[in-house]
Amino acid sequence: MRAVIILGHGSRVPEAGKDMKTIATLLQKNHDLEMVEVCQMSRIGPHYPEILAKCVENGATEVVVIPYFLNRGLHICLDIPEMMQEEAKKYPHVKMIFGKHLGCDPKFADIISLRIQESLDLPDVRYLELAPRESFPVPVGQGEFVEMPPEEAKRYKNGCGH
């Protein structure tokens, strides 16, 4: 039996993965997929190891992980395949496939065009009431965001082969 796991980044914001869950439901319902699960790499779960275990316990002999990411960054090049290789050691009888990330698709231009139209009547950003940043604490020892200047980024090769 094949299981599909849609793997997102994760967030400190509860319910940030709600849209992924909706996509999983639509995939299962409209595309004849028996087992579709969602998980997160970090922050608020569920996390990959527990969802993978659930799939295997429910009879999966093949697991296809689809990274819910647009860009081919470090998570696609290294973090996710490393995590999958580590977990694959626990299930030698299960075929593990690191699927393609969302990437670029011409259909995205249509979706973005739709979002532009849906956004035109929204208020100016100056009038938005935002939750206090303290509502979304950063776990101890983890950074929130680290910029890398373009000059420094040029020192690194584009060695991602997936």
Protein backbone atom coordinates (compact mmCIF):
# COMPACT_ATOMS: atom_id res chain seq x y z
CA MET A 1 0.00 0.00 0.00
CA ARG A 2 1.23 3.49 -0.85
CA ALA A 3 1.10 6.36 1.61
CA VAL A 4 1.64 9.98 0.68
CA ILE A 5 3.02 12.39 3.26
CA ILE A 6 2.82 16.10 2.57
CA LEU A 7 5.67 17.66 4.53
CA GLY A 8 5.61 21.34 5.48
CA HIS A 9 8.13 23.53 7.20
CA GLY A 10 6.30 24.06 10.47
CA SER A 11 5.44 27.21 12.35
CA ARG A 12 5.01 28.67 15.80
CA VAL A 13 1.51 29.70 14.72
CA PRO A 14 -1.12 27.12 15.67
CA GLU A 15 -3.14 25.95 12.66
CA ALA A 16 -0.53 27.26 10.21
CA GLY A 17 -0.72 23.89 8.43
CA LYS A 18 -4.50 23.99 8.03
CA ASP A 19 -4.32 24.55 4.26
CA MET A 20 -2.04 21.52 3.89
CA LYS A 21 -4.65 19.41 5.66
CA THR A 22 -7.28 20.65 3.22
CA ILE A 23 -5.03 19.74 0.28
CA ALA A 24 -4.46 16.28 1.77
CA THR A 25 -8.21 15.74 2.09
CA LEU A 26 -8.75 16.83 -1.52
CA LEU A 27 -5.96 14.55 -2.76
CA GLN A 28 -7.42 11.58 -0.96
CA LYS A 29 -10.95 12.31 -2.09
CA ASN A 30 -10.36 13.37 -5.70
CA HIS A 31 -7.25 11.41 -6.72
CA ASP A 32 -7.87 7.88 -5.46
CA LEU A 33 -5.13 7.94 -2.84
CA GLU A 34 -5.82 5.63 0.07
CA MET A 35 -3.52 7.17 2.67
CA VAL A 36 -2.55 10.86 2.69
CA GLU A 37 -1.07 12.45 5.79
CA VAL A 38 0.49 15.82 6.63
CA CYS A 39 3.35 16.68 8.93
CA GLN A 40 5.84 19.40 9.77
CA MET A 41 9.63 19.42 9.92
CA SER A 42 9.75 21.59 13.01
CA ARG A 43 7.89 23.67 15.57
CA ILE A 44 4.29 22.61 16.11
CA GLY A 45 3.70 19.06 14.82
CA PRO A 46 2.75 16.50 13.93
CA HIS A 47 6.31 15.69 12.91
CA TYR A 48 7.67 13.38 10.25
CA PRO A 49 8.81 10.47 12.47
CA GLU A 50 5.40 10.07 14.11
CA ILE A 51 3.45 10.36 10.84
CA LEU A 52 5.80 7.93 9.08
CA ALA A 53 5.33 5.44 11.93
CA LYS A 54 1.55 5.86 11.65
CA CYS A 55 1.66 5.13 7.92
CA VAL A 56 3.78 2.02 8.39
CA GLU A 57 1.57 0.80 11.25
CA ASN A 58 -1.42 1.20 8.93
CA GLY A 59 0.18 -1.03 6.29
CA ALA A 60 2.19 1.29 4.04
CA THR A 61 4.92 -0.51 2.12
CA GLU A 62 5.77 2.56 0.02
CA VAL A 63 5.87 6.13 1.29
CA VAL A 64 6.09 9.14 -1.01
CA VAL A 65 7.03 12.37 0.74
CA ILE A 66 6.01 15.53 -1.10
CA PRO A 67 7.72 18.62 0.31
CA TYR A 68 5.19 21.46 0.53
CA PHE A 69 7.84 24.02 -0.49
CA LEU A 70 8.09 26.37 -3.45
CA ASN A 71 11.84 26.92 -3.51
CA ARG A 72 14.76 24.51 -3.67
CA GLY A 73 16.60 25.65 -0.59
CA LEU A 74 18.55 23.85 2.11
CA HIS A 75 15.51 21.93 3.35
CA ILE A 76 15.04 20.36 -0.11
CA CYS A 77 18.75 19.90 -0.83
CA LEU A 78 19.78 18.41 2.50
CA ASP A 79 17.54 18.65 5.57
CA ILE A 80 14.56 16.60 4.37
CA PRO A 81 16.50 13.84 2.58
CA GLU A 82 18.79 13.51 5.63
CA MET A 83 15.80 13.24 7.94
CA MET A 84 14.19 10.67 5.66
CA GLN A 85 17.38 8.59 5.42
CA GLU A 86 17.63 8.52 9.20
CA GLU A 87 14.01 7.40 9.63
CA ALA A 88 14.30 4.88 6.76
CA LYS A 89 16.74 2.87 8.89
CA LYS A 90 13.82 1.93 11.14
CA TYR A 91 11.76 0.53 8.24
CA PRO A 92 13.99 -1.47 5.87
CA HIS A 93 10.94 -3.17 4.34
CA VAL A 94 9.34 0.13 3.29
CA LYS A 95 10.28 1.93 0.07
CA MET A 96 10.83 5.63 0.85
CA ILE A 97 10.56 8.12 -2.00
CA PHE A 98 11.69 11.73 -1.65
CA GLY A 99 9.21 13.33 -4.04
CA LYS A 100 9.44 16.59 -5.90
CA HIS A 101 8.72 19.86 -4.13
CA LEU A 102 6.05 22.21 -5.45
CA GLY A 103 8.61 24.27 -7.32
CA CYS A 104 7.48 26.32 -10.28
CA ASP A 105 4.40 25.54 -12.30
CA PRO A 106 2.74 27.85 -14.86
CA LYS A 107 -0.55 27.30 -12.98
CA PHE A 108 0.91 29.34 -10.11
CA ALA A 109 0.67 32.49 -12.26
CA ASP A 110 -3.09 31.91 -12.52
CA ILE A 111 -3.38 31.36 -8.78
CA ILE A 112 -1.36 34.51 -8.02
CA SER A 113 -3.47 36.49 -10.46
CA LEU A 114 -6.56 35.28 -8.62
CA ARG A 115 -5.02 36.29 -5.26
CA ILE A 116 -4.25 39.75 -6.65
CA GLN A 117 -7.90 40.22 -7.62
CA GLU A 118 -9.06 38.91 -4.24
CA SER A 119 -6.71 41.35 -2.49
CA LEU A 120 -7.65 44.60 -4.19
CA ASP A 121 -10.43 45.44 -1.72
CA LEU A 122 -8.36 44.67 1.37
CA PRO A 123 -7.38 47.58 3.64
CA ASP A 124 -4.05 49.38 3.63
CA VAL A 125 -1.52 47.49 5.76
CA ARG A 126 -1.28 50.49 8.13
CA TYR A 127 -4.79 49.66 9.38
CA LEU A 128 -4.18 46.01 10.19
CA GLU A 129 -4.29 45.03 13.85
CA LEU A 130 -1.53 42.54 14.52
CA ALA A 131 -1.18 40.09 17.37
CA PRO A 132 1.72 40.89 19.67
CA ARG A 133 4.95 39.12 18.66
CA GLU A 134 5.10 37.63 22.17
CA SER A 135 2.06 35.52 21.21
CA PHE A 136 4.41 33.41 19.07
CA PRO A 137 7.51 32.76 21.19
CA VAL A 138 10.74 31.43 19.70
CA PRO A 139 11.88 28.26 21.49
CA VAL A 140 15.04 28.65 23.56
CA GLY A 141 18.17 28.21 21.48
CA GLN A 142 16.48 28.80 18.14
CA GLY A 143 16.74 31.88 15.98
CA GLU A 144 13.83 33.65 14.39
CA PHE A 145 15.36 34.83 11.12
CA VAL A 146 18.93 35.27 9.97
CA GLU A 147 19.74 37.24 6.84
CA MET A 148 22.63 36.34 4.56
CA PRO A 149 24.05 39.12 2.39
CA PRO A 150 24.17 38.25 -1.34
CA GLU A 151 27.97 38.57 -1.35
CA GLU A 152 28.25 35.85 1.27
CA ALA A 153 25.67 33.64 -0.44
CA LYS A 154 27.77 33.64 -3.65
CA ARG A 155 30.45 31.68 -1.78
CA TYR A 156 28.20 28.62 -1.64
CA LYS A 157 27.69 26.29 -4.58
CA ASN A 158 24.29 25.40 -5.98
CA GLY A 159 24.92 21.73 -5.21
CA CYS A 160 21.32 20.60 -4.85
CA GLY A 161 20.61 17.78 -7.24
CA HIS A 162 16.89 17.10 -6.65
